[in-house]
Structure formats: C-alpha cells, structure tokens
Amino acid sequence: MMIKLIPTLTALLLFSSLYFSNAWAHEHETHYDRVHLSVSASAQLENDTMVATVYAQEEGGQAAELSGIVNKRIRRALDLVKTYPEIKHQTNTYSSSPIYSNKKIKGWRVSQSLRLESKDMTLMSDVLGKLQLDLALQSMQFTVSPESKNQQDEKLIDKALQAFEKRAQQVVKKLGRKNYKIVDINISTSGIRGVRQQRPMRAMTMAAADSAPAISAGEQTVSVTVSGNIELE
C-alpha cells in the first residue's frame, strides 16, 4: 500500500514546487516603463447651508437655581425653533462649573447651547434675531450641504478621469508607444470646511430686527484628484 502512494505523493510535491516557484516569479517579476500620473479638477461651490450656535449662561450662588433658569431659556428657544421645520436643531452639552476666588468656590456658572442648521439663510437670520432676545450668539458659519457636494464630486470625477486618460495618451504618443494599460488608480475628493463669520456680542435687550445678523455665505473650492500608474506597451 505504501508503494502505491509514492508516485502520487511525488506528483503532489512536484506540483506544489512548481506552483510556489511560479508564484514567486510572478511576485518578483520586473516591470518596465511604468509612469505615475496625477491630475486634478476643481470648481467653486457656493455655501448653501448656515450653521449657528446660541447659548444661555447664568452665574450665581446656587447651581440648582441657575440650572432651572438656563433650562427655561433653552426650552423657550426650542419652542420657537420647532415652529420652523426648515431649521434643524440640536441641544449641545450642558455645563456646570465652579467659580473660584482665593482658591474657594464663590459661585457657579451654568450654560447650555443650541445648534441650528438650515439652507434658508434669510429665515435663519430672522430666527437668530428673535433668539437673541433671550440667548447669546456663540458662533455662525457657512458650509456646503452633502447633497451639493456629492453632485459636484460626480461632475469633477468625470472631468478628472477624462484628464487622466488624456495625459496617459499624451505620454504614449510622445514616447512613441502603441498603447498603455492602467496598473492602479486612486480617486480622492477634498473635504468641506465651514466658513466662520465672526460677530461681536450685542446687548440682549435689542429688538429682534436689530439683532438679526447680517449674512454673507461666500463660496469655497472643491476638488477631485485622480492618480495612478500606467504601463506602456
């Protein structure tokens, strides 16, 4: 029985040896005439979304009492914002911290903020003006919505891929080759940043029309980069 297994075992060992030999040769195969290419396409995109943060803050001797006041102010703000379905809203972190004097606690500072987001910037400005009768404006910025970014990315990817193909054909022609094949390719898109608009703090007793912030959304550059290696034939 052992004698009959020897030829089969020998064949298996020979096949394994040939397989690993071919795999090693393929892995260490030398490649010539490879060229790395990188092209980009960009466009200006208008900021179509406004993001603002307002907050309520109180200072005093009793943390529980201050917390109640802050909560009421935030609830009033939420009641107002909820009447506008065009505005997305979210309460942020609640904070309660001691105020020290001569290394001793002399009081407390309690605060909570509310984040607002909308594509209707005129409405947002009006609502912020109303909110500032009771809250303070912490920050305001403009950005590009994911929907607009994705639509623009699709156009730029097409444009960048066409540019990559044109560049590859240019290399083939200038070097007197017949054709090329793509070895690998990578597509990357730029991120979106928020454009912050600074605005000094204003008196809480102002009329809503006066405290509504002036807005200028602006625009920003978005880009797509296509890079990769081609092998000339």
C-alpha atoms as a PDB file:
ATOM      1  CA  MET A   1       0.000   0.000   0.000  1.00  0.00           C
ATOM      2  CA  MET A   2       2.838   2.408   0.779  1.00  0.00           C
ATOM      3  CA  ILE A   3       4.468   1.710  -2.617  1.00  0.00           C
ATOM      4  CA  LYS A   4       1.334   2.824  -4.491  1.00  0.00           C
ATOM      5  CA  LEU A   5       1.219   6.141  -2.600  1.00  0.00           C
ATOM      6  CA  ILE A   6       4.759   7.175  -3.506  1.00  0.00           C
ATOM      7  CA  PRO A   7       4.084   8.260  -7.143  1.00  0.00           C
ATOM      8  CA  THR A   8       1.027  10.250  -6.052  1.00  0.00           C
ATOM      9  CA  LEU A   9       2.944  11.934  -3.242  1.00  0.00           C
ATOM     10  CA  THR A  10       5.809  12.698  -5.600  1.00  0.00           C
ATOM     11  CA  ALA A  11       3.424  14.284  -8.109  1.00  0.00           C
ATOM     12  CA  LEU A  12       1.848  16.426  -5.395  1.00  0.00           C
ATOM     13  CA  LEU A  13       5.222  17.613  -4.180  1.00  0.00           C
ATOM     14  CA  LEU A  14       6.305  18.411  -7.738  1.00  0.00           C
ATOM     15  CA  PHE A  15       3.069  20.346  -8.399  1.00  0.00           C
ATOM     16  CA  SER A  16       3.456  22.311  -5.151  1.00  0.00           C
ATOM     17  CA  SER A  17       7.050  23.124  -6.025  1.00  0.00           C
ATOM     18  CA  LEU A  18       6.073  24.395  -9.471  1.00  0.00           C
ATOM     19  CA  TYR A  19       3.152  26.428  -8.042  1.00  0.00           C
ATOM     20  CA  PHE A  20       5.279  28.216  -5.452  1.00  0.00           C
ATOM     21  CA  SER A  21       8.041  28.728  -7.996  1.00  0.00           C
ATOM     22  CA  ASN A  22       5.638  30.391 -10.435  1.00  0.00           C
ATOM     23  CA  ALA A  23       4.060  32.476  -7.687  1.00  0.00           C
ATOM     24  CA  TRP A  24       7.482  33.674  -6.540  1.00  0.00           C
ATOM     25  CA  ALA A  25       8.491  34.505 -10.097  1.00  0.00           C
ATOM     26  CA  HIS A  26       5.273  36.443 -10.679  1.00  0.00           C
ATOM     27  CA  GLU A  27       5.687  38.355  -7.415  1.00  0.00           C
ATOM     28  CA  HIS A  28       9.254  39.305  -8.258  1.00  0.00           C
ATOM     29  CA  GLU A  29       8.604  39.979 -11.926  1.00  0.00           C
ATOM     30  CA  THR A  30      10.367  43.123 -13.106  1.00  0.00           C
ATOM     31  CA  HIS A  31       8.105  45.769 -14.619  1.00  0.00           C
ATOM     32  CA  TYR A  32       9.461  48.346 -17.033  1.00  0.00           C
ATOM     33  CA  ASP A  33       8.113  51.574 -18.496  1.00  0.00           C
ATOM     34  CA  ARG A  34       5.670  52.400 -15.743  1.00  0.00           C
ATOM     35  CA  VAL A  35       4.657  56.034 -15.400  1.00  0.00           C
ATOM     36  CA  HIS A  36       2.922  57.690 -12.452  1.00  0.00           C
ATOM     37  CA  LEU A  37       0.289  60.288 -13.343  1.00  0.00           C
ATOM     38  CA  SER A  38      -1.712  62.693 -11.199  1.00  0.00           C
ATOM     39  CA  VAL A  39      -4.371  65.154 -12.373  1.00  0.00           C
ATOM     40  CA  SER A  40      -6.915  67.334 -10.579  1.00  0.00           C
ATOM     41  CA  ALA A  41     -10.189  69.061 -11.362  1.00  0.00           C
ATOM     42  CA  SER A  42     -11.715  71.812  -9.222  1.00  0.00           C
ATOM     43  CA  ALA A  43     -14.724  74.110  -9.069  1.00  0.00           C
ATOM     44  CA  GLN A  44     -16.133  76.912  -6.948  1.00  0.00           C
ATOM     45  CA  LEU A  45     -19.190  75.901  -4.956  1.00  0.00           C
ATOM     46  CA  GLU A  46     -21.478  78.295  -3.113  1.00  0.00           C
ATOM     47  CA  ASN A  47     -22.029  77.665   0.576  1.00  0.00           C
ATOM     48  CA  ASP A  48     -25.701  76.759   0.774  1.00  0.00           C
ATOM     49  CA  THR A  49     -26.065  75.900   4.466  1.00  0.00           C
ATOM     50  CA  MET A  50     -25.921  78.109   7.541  1.00  0.00           C
ATOM     51  CA  VAL A  51     -24.955  76.710  10.942  1.00  0.00           C
ATOM     52  CA  ALA A  52     -25.244  78.735  14.142  1.00  0.00           C
ATOM     53  CA  THR A  53     -24.863  78.078  17.857  1.00  0.00           C
ATOM     54  CA  VAL A  54     -26.657  80.098  20.530  1.00  0.00           C
ATOM     55  CA  TYR A  55     -26.373  79.608  24.270  1.00  0.00           C
ATOM     56  CA  ALA A  56     -27.806  80.505  27.660  1.00  0.00           C
ATOM     57  CA  GLN A  57     -25.482  81.172  30.593  1.00  0.00           C
ATOM     58  CA  GLU A  58     -26.101  82.133  34.216  1.00  0.00           C
ATOM     59  CA  GLU A  59     -23.797  82.817  37.163  1.00  0.00           C
ATOM     60  CA  GLY A  60     -24.698  82.838  40.847  1.00  0.00           C
ATOM     61  CA  GLY A  61     -24.506  81.104  44.180  1.00  0.00           C
ATOM     62  CA  GLN A  62     -26.931  78.197  43.733  1.00  0.00           C
ATOM     63  CA  ALA A  63     -26.197  75.733  40.939  1.00  0.00           C
ATOM     64  CA  ALA A  64     -29.669  74.167  41.040  1.00  0.00           C
ATOM     65  CA  GLU A  65     -31.384  77.543  40.742  1.00  0.00           C
ATOM     66  CA  LEU A  66     -29.120  78.570  37.857  1.00  0.00           C
ATOM     67  CA  SER A  67     -29.781  75.265  36.122  1.00  0.00           C
ATOM     68  CA  GLY A  68     -33.519  75.885  36.275  1.00  0.00           C
ATOM     69  CA  ILE A  69     -33.145  79.339  34.717  1.00  0.00           C
ATOM     70  CA  VAL A  70     -30.922  78.047  31.902  1.00  0.00           C
ATOM     71  CA  ASN A  71     -33.283  75.156  31.192  1.00  0.00           C
ATOM     72  CA  LYS A  72     -36.261  77.527  30.901  1.00  0.00           C
ATOM     73  CA  ARG A  73     -34.400  79.780  28.453  1.00  0.00           C
ATOM     74  CA  ILE A  74     -33.364  76.828  26.293  1.00  0.00           C
ATOM     75  CA  ARG A  75     -36.907  75.413  26.354  1.00  0.00           C
ATOM     76  CA  ARG A  76     -38.298  78.757  25.185  1.00  0.00           C
ATOM     77  CA  ALA A  77     -35.775  78.743  22.352  1.00  0.00           C
ATOM     78  CA  LEU A  78     -36.733  75.189  21.375  1.00  0.00           C
ATOM     79  CA  ASP A  79     -40.427  76.074  21.395  1.00  0.00           C
ATOM     80  CA  LEU A  80     -39.692  78.862  18.919  1.00  0.00           C
ATOM     81  CA  VAL A  81     -37.365  76.849  16.672  1.00  0.00           C
ATOM     82  CA  LYS A  82     -39.772  73.901  16.471  1.00  0.00           C
ATOM     83  CA  THR A  83     -42.268  76.131  14.691  1.00  0.00           C
ATOM     84  CA  TYR A  84     -39.852  76.271  11.735  1.00  0.00           C
ATOM     85  CA  PRO A  85     -39.472  72.793  10.155  1.00  0.00           C
ATOM     86  CA  GLU A  86     -36.872  74.211   7.750  1.00  0.00           C
ATOM     87  CA  ILE A  87     -34.436  74.557  10.657  1.00  0.00           C
ATOM     88  CA  LYS A  88     -32.688  71.510  12.102  1.00  0.00           C
ATOM     89  CA  HIS A  89     -31.910  71.856  15.792  1.00  0.00           C
ATOM     90  CA  GLN A  90     -29.956  70.007  18.458  1.00  0.00           C
ATOM     91  CA  THR A  91     -29.129  70.809  22.081  1.00  0.00           C
ATOM     92  CA  ASN A  92     -25.440  70.590  22.893  1.00  0.00           C
ATOM     93  CA  THR A  93     -23.520  69.789  26.064  1.00  0.00           C
ATOM     94  CA  TYR A  94     -24.840  71.095  29.372  1.00  0.00           C
ATOM     95  CA  SER A  95     -22.111  72.605  31.560  1.00  0.00           C
ATOM     96  CA  SER A  96     -21.975  73.445  35.261  1.00  0.00           C
ATOM     97  CA  SER A  97     -18.626  74.651  36.641  1.00  0.00           C
ATOM     98  CA  PRO A  98     -17.499  76.329  39.883  1.00  0.00           C
ATOM     99  CA  ILE A  99     -16.232  79.907  40.036  1.00  0.00           C
ATOM    100  CA  TYR A 100     -13.222  80.277  42.345  1.00  0.00           C
ATOM    101  CA  SER A 101     -11.948  83.199  44.397  1.00  0.00           C
ATOM    102  CA  ASN A 102      -8.858  82.800  46.573  1.00  0.00           C
ATOM    103  CA  LYS A 103      -8.965  79.048  45.907  1.00  0.00           C
ATOM    104  CA  LYS A 104     -12.503  78.823  47.271  1.00  0.00           C
ATOM    105  CA  ILE A 105     -15.756  78.310  45.409  1.00  0.00           C
ATOM    106  CA  LYS A 106     -17.665  81.588  45.404  1.00  0.00           C
ATOM    107  CA  GLY A 107     -20.342  80.612  42.905  1.00  0.00           C
ATOM    108  CA  TRP A 108     -21.338  78.621  39.844  1.00  0.00           C
ATOM    109  CA  ARG A 109     -21.530  79.098  36.103  1.00  0.00           C
ATOM    110  CA  VAL A 110     -24.184  77.094  34.261  1.00  0.00           C
ATOM    111  CA  SER A 111     -24.618  77.065  30.490  1.00  0.00           C
ATOM    112  CA  GLN A 112     -26.142  75.127  27.627  1.00  0.00           C
ATOM    113  CA  SER A 113     -26.049  75.699  23.875  1.00  0.00           C
ATOM    114  CA  LEU A 114     -28.350  75.042  20.950  1.00  0.00           C
ATOM    115  CA  ARG A 115     -27.141  74.222  17.428  1.00  0.00           C
ATOM    116  CA  LEU A 116     -29.205  75.344  14.438  1.00  0.00           C
ATOM    117  CA  GLU A 117     -28.804  74.441  10.755  1.00  0.00           C
ATOM    118  CA  SER A 118     -30.751  75.429   7.661  1.00  0.00           C
ATOM    119  CA  LYS A 119     -30.465  76.120   3.935  1.00  0.00           C
ATOM    120  CA  ASP A 120     -32.903  79.007   4.324  1.00  0.00           C
ATOM    121  CA  MET A 121     -30.398  81.626   5.437  1.00  0.00           C
ATOM    122  CA  THR A 122     -32.854  84.517   5.474  1.00  0.00           C
ATOM    123  CA  LEU A 123     -35.131  82.584   7.808  1.00  0.00           C
ATOM    124  CA  MET A 124     -32.175  81.587   9.988  1.00  0.00           C
ATOM    125  CA  SER A 125     -31.102  85.210  10.304  1.00  0.00           C
ATOM    126  CA  ASP A 126     -34.605  86.260  11.362  1.00  0.00           C
ATOM    127  CA  VAL A 127     -34.910  83.430  13.896  1.00  0.00           C
ATOM    128  CA  LEU A 128     -31.475  84.201  15.340  1.00  0.00           C
ATOM    129  CA  GLY A 129     -32.585  87.782  15.822  1.00  0.00           C
ATOM    130  CA  LYS A 130     -35.573  86.577  17.850  1.00  0.00           C
ATOM    131  CA  LEU A 131     -33.495  84.104  19.860  1.00  0.00           C
ATOM    132  CA  GLN A 132     -31.003  86.787  20.850  1.00  0.00           C
ATOM    133  CA  LEU A 133     -33.667  88.478  22.916  1.00  0.00           C
ATOM    134  CA  ASP A 134     -33.038  85.648  25.390  1.00  0.00           C
ATOM    135  CA  LEU A 135     -29.836  83.903  24.249  1.00  0.00           C
ATOM    136  CA  ALA A 136     -26.384  84.912  23.045  1.00  0.00           C
ATOM    137  CA  LEU A 137     -24.870  84.073  19.665  1.00  0.00           C
ATOM    138  CA  GLN A 138     -21.764  81.916  20.110  1.00  0.00           C
ATOM    139  CA  SER A 139     -20.797  81.163  16.512  1.00  0.00           C
ATOM    140  CA  MET A 140     -22.074  81.291  12.961  1.00  0.00           C
ATOM    141  CA  GLN A 141     -20.619  79.607   9.881  1.00  0.00           C
ATOM    142  CA  PHE A 142     -21.489  78.634   6.328  1.00  0.00           C
ATOM    143  CA  THR A 143     -20.816  75.363   4.585  1.00  0.00           C
ATOM    144  CA  VAL A 144     -21.801  73.186   1.622  1.00  0.00           C
ATOM    145  CA  SER A 145     -24.549  70.615   2.070  1.00  0.00           C
ATOM    146  CA  PRO A 146     -23.664  66.932   1.469  1.00  0.00           C
ATOM    147  CA  GLU A 147     -26.138  66.807  -1.425  1.00  0.00           C
ATOM    148  CA  SER A 148     -24.474  69.690  -3.278  1.00  0.00           C
ATOM    149  CA  LYS A 149     -21.019  68.297  -2.524  1.00  0.00           C
ATOM    150  CA  ASN A 150     -21.884  64.841  -3.894  1.00  0.00           C
ATOM    151  CA  GLN A 151     -23.394  66.267  -7.075  1.00  0.00           C
ATOM    152  CA  GLN A 152     -20.317  68.391  -7.715  1.00  0.00           C
ATOM    153  CA  ASP A 153     -17.978  65.483  -6.918  1.00  0.00           C
ATOM    154  CA  GLU A 154     -19.642  63.344  -9.584  1.00  0.00           C
ATOM    155  CA  LYS A 155     -19.032  66.012 -12.214  1.00  0.00           C
ATOM    156  CA  LEU A 156     -15.439  66.570 -11.118  1.00  0.00           C
ATOM    157  CA  ILE A 157     -14.670  62.831 -11.070  1.00  0.00           C
ATOM    158  CA  ASP A 158     -15.775  62.562 -14.704  1.00  0.00           C
ATOM    159  CA  LYS A 159     -13.681  65.587 -15.589  1.00  0.00           C
ATOM    160  CA  ALA A 160     -10.601  64.313 -13.739  1.00  0.00           C
ATOM    161  CA  LEU A 161     -10.846  60.830 -15.291  1.00  0.00           C
ATOM    162  CA  GLN A 162     -11.013  62.377 -18.752  1.00  0.00           C
ATOM    163  CA  ALA A 163      -7.931  64.443 -17.915  1.00  0.00           C
ATOM    164  CA  PHE A 164      -6.121  61.303 -16.679  1.00  0.00           C
ATOM    165  CA  GLU A 165      -6.893  59.467 -19.916  1.00  0.00           C
ATOM    166  CA  LYS A 166      -5.775  62.445 -21.995  1.00  0.00           C
ATOM    167  CA  ARG A 167      -2.500  62.684 -20.048  1.00  0.00           C
ATOM    168  CA  ALA A 168      -1.861  58.957 -20.487  1.00  0.00           C
ATOM    169  CA  GLN A 169      -2.463  59.162 -24.229  1.00  0.00           C
ATOM    170  CA  GLN A 170      -0.118  62.142 -24.392  1.00  0.00           C
ATOM    171  CA  VAL A 171       2.655  60.127 -22.735  1.00  0.00           C
ATOM    172  CA  VAL A 172       2.080  57.184 -25.089  1.00  0.00           C
ATOM    173  CA  LYS A 173       2.256  59.430 -28.148  1.00  0.00           C
ATOM    174  CA  LYS A 174       5.320  61.411 -27.068  1.00  0.00           C
ATOM    175  CA  LEU A 175       7.277  58.264 -26.187  1.00  0.00           C
ATOM    176  CA  GLY A 176       6.332  56.514 -29.407  1.00  0.00           C
ATOM    177  CA  ARG A 177       4.435  53.641 -27.821  1.00  0.00           C
ATOM    178  CA  LYS A 178       1.387  51.813 -29.123  1.00  0.00           C
ATOM    179  CA  ASN A 179      -0.844  51.766 -26.081  1.00  0.00           C
ATOM    180  CA  TYR A 180      -0.964  51.630 -22.288  1.00  0.00           C
ATOM    181  CA  LYS A 181      -2.729  49.774 -19.522  1.00  0.00           C
ATOM    182  CA  ILE A 182      -3.710  51.032 -16.097  1.00  0.00           C
ATOM    183  CA  VAL A 183      -1.834  49.287 -13.296  1.00  0.00           C
ATOM    184  CA  ASP A 184      -3.631  51.046 -10.432  1.00  0.00           C
ATOM    185  CA  ILE A 185      -5.691  54.172  -9.951  1.00  0.00           C
ATOM    186  CA  ASN A 186      -6.870  56.224  -6.972  1.00  0.00           C
ATOM    187  CA  ILE A 187      -9.618  58.855  -6.733  1.00  0.00           C
ATOM    188  CA  SER A 188      -9.680  61.303  -3.816  1.00  0.00           C
ATOM    189  CA  THR A 189     -12.007  64.207  -3.077  1.00  0.00           C
ATOM    190  CA  SER A 190     -11.411  67.299  -0.978  1.00  0.00           C
ATOM    191  CA  GLY A 191     -13.240  67.851   2.283  1.00  0.00           C
ATOM    192  CA  ILE A 192     -15.629  70.664   3.117  1.00  0.00           C
ATOM    193  CA  ARG A 193     -14.742  73.273   5.702  1.00  0.00           C
ATOM    194  CA  GLY A 194     -17.059  75.632   7.490  1.00  0.00           C
ATOM    195  CA  VAL A 195     -16.505  79.335   6.797  1.00  0.00           C
ATOM    196  CA  ARG A 196     -16.866  81.074  10.132  1.00  0.00           C
ATOM    197  CA  GLN A 197     -18.356  84.541  10.331  1.00  0.00           C
ATOM    198  CA  GLN A 198     -17.304  86.437  13.427  1.00  0.00           C
ATOM    199  CA  ARG A 199     -19.773  88.767  15.045  1.00  0.00           C
ATOM    200  CA  PRO A 200     -19.278  90.763  18.262  1.00  0.00           C
ATOM    201  CA  MET A 201     -21.594  90.142  21.194  1.00  0.00           C
ATOM    202  CA  ARG A 202     -24.554  92.505  21.307  1.00  0.00           C
ATOM    203  CA  ALA A 203     -26.894  93.612  24.075  1.00  0.00           C
ATOM    204  CA  MET A 204     -29.549  91.058  24.988  1.00  0.00           C
ATOM    205  CA  THR A 205     -32.259  93.749  25.155  1.00  0.00           C
ATOM    206  CA  MET A 206     -32.071  94.738  21.469  1.00  0.00           C
ATOM    207  CA  ALA A 207     -35.106  94.430  19.255  1.00  0.00           C
ATOM    208  CA  ALA A 208     -35.199  91.275  17.143  1.00  0.00           C
ATOM    209  CA  ALA A 209     -34.895  93.206  13.866  1.00  0.00           C
ATOM    210  CA  ASP A 210     -31.753  94.957  15.106  1.00  0.00           C
ATOM    211  CA  SER A 211     -30.087  91.821  16.474  1.00  0.00           C
ATOM    212  CA  ALA A 212     -30.615  89.692  13.347  1.00  0.00           C
ATOM    213  CA  PRO A 213     -27.101  89.026  11.975  1.00  0.00           C
ATOM    214  CA  ALA A 214     -26.087  90.195   8.505  1.00  0.00           C
ATOM    215  CA  ILE A 215     -25.126  87.212   6.364  1.00  0.00           C
ATOM    216  CA  SER A 216     -22.655  86.643   3.541  1.00  0.00           C
ATOM    217  CA  ALA A 217     -22.340  82.929   2.786  1.00  0.00           C
ATOM    218  CA  GLY A 218     -19.476  83.076   0.266  1.00  0.00           C
ATOM    219  CA  GLU A 219     -18.114  80.071  -1.583  1.00  0.00           C
ATOM    220  CA  GLN A 220     -15.278  77.565  -1.426  1.00  0.00           C
ATOM    221  CA  THR A 221     -13.194  75.426  -3.735  1.00  0.00           C
ATOM    222  CA  VAL A 222     -13.860  71.695  -4.040  1.00  0.00           C
ATOM    223  CA  SER A 223     -11.538  69.391  -5.950  1.00  0.00           C
ATOM    224  CA  VAL A 224     -11.013  65.810  -7.096  1.00  0.00           C
ATOM    225  CA  THR A 225      -7.607  64.220  -7.702  1.00  0.00           C
ATOM    226  CA  VAL A 226      -7.051  61.127  -9.833  1.00  0.00           C
ATOM    227  CA  SER A 227      -3.641  59.481  -9.554  1.00  0.00           C
ATOM    228  CA  GLY A 228      -2.253  56.152 -10.638  1.00  0.00           C
ATOM    229  CA  ASN A 229       0.333  54.175 -12.563  1.00  0.00           C
ATOM    230  CA  ILE A 230       0.191  53.169 -16.196  1.00  0.00           C
ATOM    231  CA  GLU A 231       2.381  50.666 -18.030  1.00  0.00           C
ATOM    232  CA  LEU A 232       3.430  51.462 -21.585  1.00  0.00           C
ATOM    233  CA  GLU A 233       3.124  48.793 -24.252  1.00  0.00           C
END
